Protein backbone atom coordinates (compact mmCIF):
# COMPACT_ATOMS: atom_id res chain seq x y z
CA MET A 1 -9.16 -19.55 11.94
CA LEU A 2 -8.63 -15.89 13.60
CA PHE A 3 -5.53 -14.98 12.47
CA PRO A 4 -3.59 -16.91 8.91
CA GLN A 5 -0.73 -19.67 9.72
CA SER A 6 2.16 -17.59 8.43
CA PRO A 7 3.91 -15.34 11.51
CA ALA A 8 4.81 -12.15 10.76
CA ALA A 9 8.62 -12.56 10.12
CA GLU A 10 8.04 -15.48 7.57
CA LYS A 11 5.87 -12.82 5.73
CA ARG A 12 8.77 -10.51 5.78
CA ALA A 13 11.46 -13.41 4.64
CA ALA A 14 9.05 -14.43 1.77
CA PHE A 15 8.72 -10.71 0.56
CA ARG A 16 12.28 -10.30 0.73
CA ALA A 17 12.61 -13.23 -1.38
CA ALA A 18 10.07 -11.94 -4.11
CA LEU A 19 11.26 -8.88 -4.57
CA ARG A 20 14.62 -10.93 -5.51
CA SER A 21 12.69 -13.58 -7.74
CA GLY A 22 12.30 -10.46 -10.94
CA LYS A 23 8.89 -10.71 -11.32
CA LEU A 24 6.35 -8.41 -10.78
CA LEU A 25 4.73 -8.21 -7.82
CA ARG A 26 1.13 -6.90 -7.62
CA PHE A 27 -0.06 -4.93 -4.28
CA PRO A 28 -3.82 -3.89 -4.80
CA GLY A 29 -5.14 -1.50 -2.11
CA ALA A 30 -7.26 -2.90 0.69
CA PHE A 31 -8.51 -0.14 2.88
CA SER A 32 -10.65 -2.19 5.32
CA PRO A 33 -9.07 -6.43 6.39
CA LEU A 34 -12.21 -7.39 4.42
CA VAL A 35 -11.06 -5.92 1.53
CA SER A 36 -7.25 -7.82 2.02
CA LEU A 37 -9.08 -11.54 2.13
CA LEU A 38 -10.53 -10.40 -1.49
CA ILE A 39 -6.95 -9.61 -2.71
CA GLU A 40 -5.83 -12.81 -1.19
CA ARG A 41 -8.72 -14.82 -2.67
CA GLN A 42 -7.85 -13.82 -6.06
CA ALA A 43 -4.07 -14.64 -6.00
CA PHE A 44 -2.48 -11.48 -5.81
CA GLU A 45 1.26 -11.36 -4.57
CA GLY A 46 0.63 -8.17 -1.94
CA VAL A 47 -1.85 -6.49 0.27
CA TYR A 48 -0.99 -2.32 0.25
CA ILE A 49 -2.17 -0.29 2.49
CA SER A 50 -2.37 3.31 1.30
CA GLY A 51 -2.34 6.93 3.58
CA ALA A 52 -4.41 8.32 1.29
CA ALA A 53 -7.11 5.27 0.70
CA LEU A 54 -6.74 5.21 5.25
CA ALA A 55 -7.10 9.44 5.29
CA ALA A 56 -10.32 9.70 2.73
CA ASP A 57 -11.81 6.73 4.78
CA LEU A 58 -11.44 9.58 7.85
CA ALA A 59 -12.99 11.68 5.71
CA LEU A 60 -9.76 13.41 5.35
CA PRO A 61 -7.49 14.84 2.68
CA ASP A 62 -4.67 13.46 2.54
CA ILE A 63 -2.38 15.61 3.52
CA GLY A 64 -0.28 14.24 6.18
CA LEU A 65 -3.12 14.86 9.05
CA THR A 66 -3.15 10.79 10.27
CA THR A 67 -1.61 10.07 12.94
CA LEU A 68 1.00 7.34 13.38
CA THR A 69 -1.03 5.74 15.66
CA GLU A 70 -4.46 5.43 13.40
CA VAL A 71 -1.97 4.07 10.16
CA ALA A 72 -0.49 1.44 12.74
CA ALA A 73 -3.39 0.18 14.22
CA ARG A 74 -5.42 0.17 10.63
CA GLY A 75 -2.18 -1.78 8.98
CA ARG A 76 -2.18 -3.94 11.80
CA ALA A 77 -5.89 -4.70 11.38
CA ILE A 78 -5.62 -5.28 7.71
CA ALA A 79 -2.25 -7.61 7.71
CA ARG A 80 -3.44 -9.80 10.60
CA VAL A 81 -5.83 -11.69 8.53
CA THR A 82 -4.03 -12.33 5.44
CA SER A 83 -1.33 -14.84 4.66
CA LEU A 84 0.57 -11.95 2.15
CA PRO A 85 2.47 -9.94 2.43
CA ALA A 86 1.28 -6.15 3.97
CA LEU A 87 3.27 -3.13 2.44
CA ILE A 88 2.44 0.59 3.97
CA ASP A 89 2.29 4.13 3.29
CA ALA A 90 4.41 5.95 5.94
CA ASP A 91 3.92 9.09 4.64
CA THR A 92 6.44 11.94 5.54
CA GLY A 93 7.87 9.59 8.53
CA PHE A 94 5.48 11.68 10.52
CA GLY A 95 8.01 14.04 11.55
CA GLU A 96 11.94 13.99 11.73
CA PRO A 97 13.97 10.73 11.40
CA LEU A 98 13.78 10.04 15.68
CA ASN A 99 9.79 9.53 14.31
CA ALA A 100 10.61 7.90 11.41
CA ALA A 101 12.46 4.99 13.66
CA ARG A 102 9.70 4.64 16.08
CA ALA A 103 7.03 4.41 12.83
CA VAL A 104 9.22 1.23 11.64
CA GLN A 105 9.37 -0.18 14.94
CA GLU A 106 5.93 -0.13 15.71
CA PHE A 107 4.82 -0.97 11.89
CA GLU A 108 7.20 -4.49 12.90
CA GLU A 109 5.43 -5.29 15.65
CA ASN A 110 1.98 -5.11 14.43
CA GLY A 111 3.18 -7.55 11.54
CA LEU A 112 3.68 -5.15 8.32
CA CYS A 113 6.48 -6.43 5.69
CA GLY A 114 7.63 -2.67 4.64
CA CYS A 115 6.39 0.88 4.54
CA HIS A 116 7.37 3.75 1.87
CA LEU A 117 8.97 6.89 3.18
CA GLU A 118 8.86 10.36 0.91
CA ASP A 119 10.91 13.36 0.27
CA GLN A 120 7.89 15.79 0.79
CA LEU A 121 7.48 18.41 3.25
CA GLN A 122 5.19 18.37 6.30
CA PRO A 123 1.62 19.19 5.33
CA LYS A 124 3.09 16.76 1.89
CA ARG A 125 -0.03 16.33 -0.98
CA CYS A 126 -0.80 13.66 -3.00
CA GLY A 127 1.33 12.57 -5.20
CA HIS A 128 -0.36 13.72 -8.49
CA LEU A 129 -0.59 17.02 -7.42
CA ASP A 130 1.10 20.34 -8.35
CA HIS A 131 3.23 22.10 -6.66
CA LYS A 132 5.22 19.93 -4.05
CA SER A 133 7.55 21.33 -2.00
CA LEU A 134 10.76 18.73 -1.29
CA VAL A 135 12.86 18.06 1.70
CA SER A 136 16.43 17.94 0.46
CA ALA A 137 18.36 15.45 -0.07
CA ASP A 138 20.37 15.54 3.02
CA GLU A 139 17.71 15.38 5.02
CA MET A 140 16.19 12.62 2.96
CA ILE A 141 19.07 10.58 3.60
CA ARG A 142 18.76 11.08 7.61
CA LYS A 143 15.00 9.95 7.85
CA ILE A 144 16.17 6.65 5.79
CA ARG A 145 19.29 5.71 7.73
CA ALA A 146 17.13 6.64 11.19
CA ALA A 147 14.46 4.14 9.15
CA THR A 148 16.95 1.10 8.68
CA ALA A 149 18.92 0.99 11.95
CA ALA A 150 15.48 1.14 13.97
CA ARG A 151 14.16 -2.30 12.32
CA ARG A 152 14.71 -5.58 14.26
CA ASP A 153 14.00 -7.75 11.19
CA PRO A 154 16.06 -7.02 8.76
CA ASN A 155 13.73 -8.02 6.66
CA PHE A 156 11.30 -5.86 7.39
CA VAL A 157 11.54 -3.85 3.90
CA ILE A 158 11.92 0.36 3.22
CA VAL A 159 11.40 1.44 0.24
CA ALA A 160 11.95 5.25 -0.50
CA ARG A 161 9.77 7.30 -2.32
CA THR A 162 10.98 10.50 -4.75
CA ASP A 163 8.64 12.95 -5.53
CA ALA A 164 10.91 15.24 -7.45
CA ARG A 165 9.77 14.34 -11.06
CA ALA A 166 7.66 17.43 -11.37
CA GLU A 167 10.39 19.92 -9.24
CA GLU A 168 13.40 18.36 -9.88
CA GLY A 169 12.85 16.64 -13.45
CA LEU A 170 13.69 13.00 -13.97
CA GLY A 171 17.29 13.46 -14.03
CA GLY A 172 17.04 15.35 -10.21
CA ALA A 173 14.52 12.21 -9.32
CA ILE A 174 17.23 9.91 -10.48
CA GLU A 175 19.79 11.10 -8.55
CA ARG A 176 17.83 12.02 -5.37
CA ALA A 177 16.96 7.35 -5.90
CA ARG A 178 20.93 6.94 -6.20
CA ALA A 179 21.62 8.84 -2.63
CA TYR A 180 18.41 7.24 -1.10
CA VAL A 181 19.50 3.68 -1.87
CA ASP A 182 23.47 4.44 -0.79
CA ALA A 183 21.81 5.48 2.27
CA GLY A 184 20.29 1.91 2.92
CA ALA A 185 16.79 2.25 0.94
CA ASP A 186 15.98 -1.93 0.42
CA ALA A 187 13.64 -0.50 -3.09
CA ILE A 188 12.66 2.69 -4.51
CA PHE A 189 9.61 4.40 -5.63
CA PRO A 190 9.51 6.98 -7.96
CA GLU A 191 5.93 8.80 -7.69
CA ALA A 192 4.46 10.26 -10.59
CA LEU A 193 6.31 9.24 -13.98
CA GLN A 194 4.59 9.75 -16.88
CA ASP A 195 5.17 6.91 -19.31
CA GLU A 196 7.14 3.48 -20.14
CA SER A 197 10.43 5.59 -21.57
CA GLU A 198 10.49 7.49 -17.90
CA PHE A 199 10.45 4.12 -15.80
CA GLY A 200 13.17 2.97 -18.07
CA GLU A 201 15.44 5.51 -17.41
CA PHE A 202 15.19 4.75 -13.79
CA ARG A 203 15.55 1.50 -14.58
CA LYS A 204 18.57 1.73 -16.12
CA ALA A 205 20.03 4.40 -13.28
CA ILE A 206 18.91 2.39 -10.16
CA ALA A 207 20.47 -0.86 -9.21
CA ALA A 208 17.60 -1.59 -6.11
CA PRO A 209 14.53 -3.15 -7.21
CA LEU A 210 11.26 -0.46 -8.23
CA LEU A 211 7.77 0.48 -6.63
CA ALA A 212 5.63 1.77 -9.65
CA ASN A 213 2.01 3.54 -8.77
CA MET A 214 -0.66 2.96 -11.20
CA THR A 215 -3.15 4.99 -9.18
CA GLU A 216 -6.33 6.23 -11.69
CA PHE A 217 -6.45 10.01 -12.61
CA GLY A 218 -2.86 11.14 -11.91
CA LYS A 219 -0.37 12.38 -13.97
CA GLY A 220 1.14 8.92 -15.25
CA LYS A 221 -0.07 6.26 -17.86
CA LEU A 222 -1.83 3.65 -16.78
CA LEU A 223 0.10 0.64 -18.00
CA ALA A 224 -0.44 -3.35 -17.29
CA ALA A 225 1.55 -5.52 -15.65
CA ARG A 226 2.36 -7.67 -18.45
CA GLN A 227 4.44 -3.86 -19.48
CA LEU A 228 5.68 -3.26 -16.16
CA GLY A 229 6.34 -6.81 -15.79
CA GLU A 230 9.07 -6.27 -19.11
CA MET A 231 10.59 -3.46 -17.99
CA GLY A 232 11.49 -4.96 -14.59
CA ILE A 233 9.67 -3.54 -12.32
CA ASN A 234 8.92 -5.22 -9.23
CA ILE A 235 5.96 -4.03 -7.64
CA VAL A 236 3.01 -2.10 -8.53
CA ILE A 237 0.26 -0.95 -6.24
CA TYR A 238 -3.04 -0.54 -6.92
CA PRO A 239 -3.41 2.35 -3.97
CA VAL A 240 -7.16 3.71 -4.42
CA THR A 241 -8.85 1.31 -6.74
CA THR A 242 -10.97 -0.38 -4.32
CA LEU A 243 -12.53 2.19 -2.36
CA ARG A 244 -12.94 4.46 -5.73
CA LEU A 245 -14.79 0.79 -7.07
CA ALA A 246 -17.21 0.74 -3.53
CA MET A 247 -17.55 4.13 -3.41
CA LYS A 248 -18.79 4.45 -6.40
CA SER A 249 -21.21 1.10 -6.11
CA VAL A 250 -22.04 2.94 -2.77
CA GLU A 251 -23.15 5.86 -4.23
CA ARG A 252 -24.90 4.31 -7.11
CA GLY A 253 -26.97 2.25 -4.84
CA LEU A 254 -28.29 5.21 -2.33
CA SER A 255 -29.16 6.98 -5.26
CA VAL A 256 -31.28 3.73 -5.99
CA ILE A 257 -33.08 3.40 -2.64
CA ARG A 258 -33.73 6.99 -2.39
CA GLU A 259 -35.21 7.50 -5.87
CA GLN A 260 -37.27 3.60 -6.02
CA GLY A 261 -37.83 2.85 -2.10
CA THR A 262 -36.09 -0.17 -2.03
CA GLN A 263 -32.77 -1.71 -2.63
CA GLU A 264 -34.57 -5.05 -4.38
CA SER A 265 -33.03 -4.12 -8.22
CA LEU A 266 -29.36 -3.96 -7.07
CA LEU A 267 -29.70 -7.73 -5.45
CA ALA A 268 -28.08 -8.37 -8.39
CA SER A 269 -25.01 -6.53 -7.99
CA MET A 270 -24.06 -7.46 -3.97
CA GLN A 271 -21.99 -9.20 -2.69
CA THR A 272 -25.00 -11.76 -0.95
CA ARG A 273 -25.10 -12.99 3.07
CA ALA A 274 -23.19 -16.49 1.16
CA GLU A 275 -20.73 -15.38 0.03
CA LEU A 276 -19.69 -12.88 2.61
CA TYR A 277 -19.61 -16.27 5.40
CA GLU A 278 -17.41 -17.79 3.05
CA LEU A 279 -15.27 -15.34 2.77
CA LEU A 280 -14.87 -14.91 6.87
CA ARG A 281 -14.82 -18.74 6.72
CA TYR A 282 -17.61 -18.26 8.98
CA GLU A 283 -18.28 -22.49 8.94
CA GLU A 284 -14.80 -22.90 9.86
CA TYR A 285 -15.44 -21.30 13.51
CA GLU A 286 -18.19 -24.22 14.13
CA LYS A 287 -15.44 -26.33 14.65
CA PHE A 288 -14.15 -24.01 17.22
CA ASP A 289 -17.79 -23.56 19.00
CA ARG A 290 -20.37 -25.20 17.58
CA ASP A 291 -22.92 -23.01 18.92
CA ILE A 292 -21.39 -19.80 16.40
CA PHE A 293 -23.15 -21.47 13.67
CA ASN A 294 -26.17 -23.73 14.53
CA PHE A 295 -28.35 -22.47 11.42
CA GLU A 296 -28.83 -23.01 7.31
CA LEU A 297 -29.09 -19.52 4.97
């Protein structure tokens, strides 16, 4: 009722097993708990919690302004309502290696199944913008080692993201990725690869699971899930897609109300009250307390 039947430890174990299956796992971004319910209903394999989407929802740019407390709280709210594994964006780990270690323990405690850390300098930038600055590979390795040592559940997945493609070339990004795997990262997230050939080069060079970011309006080509699966990619995220869809719909709807003075013409494009209540399992709460649901639509 209030929470899914699968506890976090079971979801983490299932996520680990799925990573070993060789099948592509699709993780659309959820910027709210309600969106995660739709992702599960559409039979995706997991939920992604984007730092960029979370920052945008707080009306902030994606430059590392959100705090561990804010991110962990939103992660808990989203992860706890779905039976799917939730992977969260930890940006640069909220500081030094010790901060990254604490972040991992907070995420574990809050029911997340994994997180990714990136090798940018703070203040960081969106992975698809120019002029990013990177920490040294040695500093990132220390963060990865701290993060892996801090986890208490060995099934909590730690993904190392490298933004080196733009600044150090594909070869430099692959070299960093190899070092991150050697440091204990469970998977690699090569940010801002440009096309199929670059994903193919990464796949040949790295034995660990790979994560592909299919974000809109970025540097890379949008590849279909079928293509990614055939290339041997393990996870694909769609980090800001649901937020962009929602915001454009809200913008259009507000324009109609401003111009027409009513939302009447928008009703066909809205989720109905009945659909919302069904998604929330409103009637199931009646079994717990009949006074909650005592009316008909």
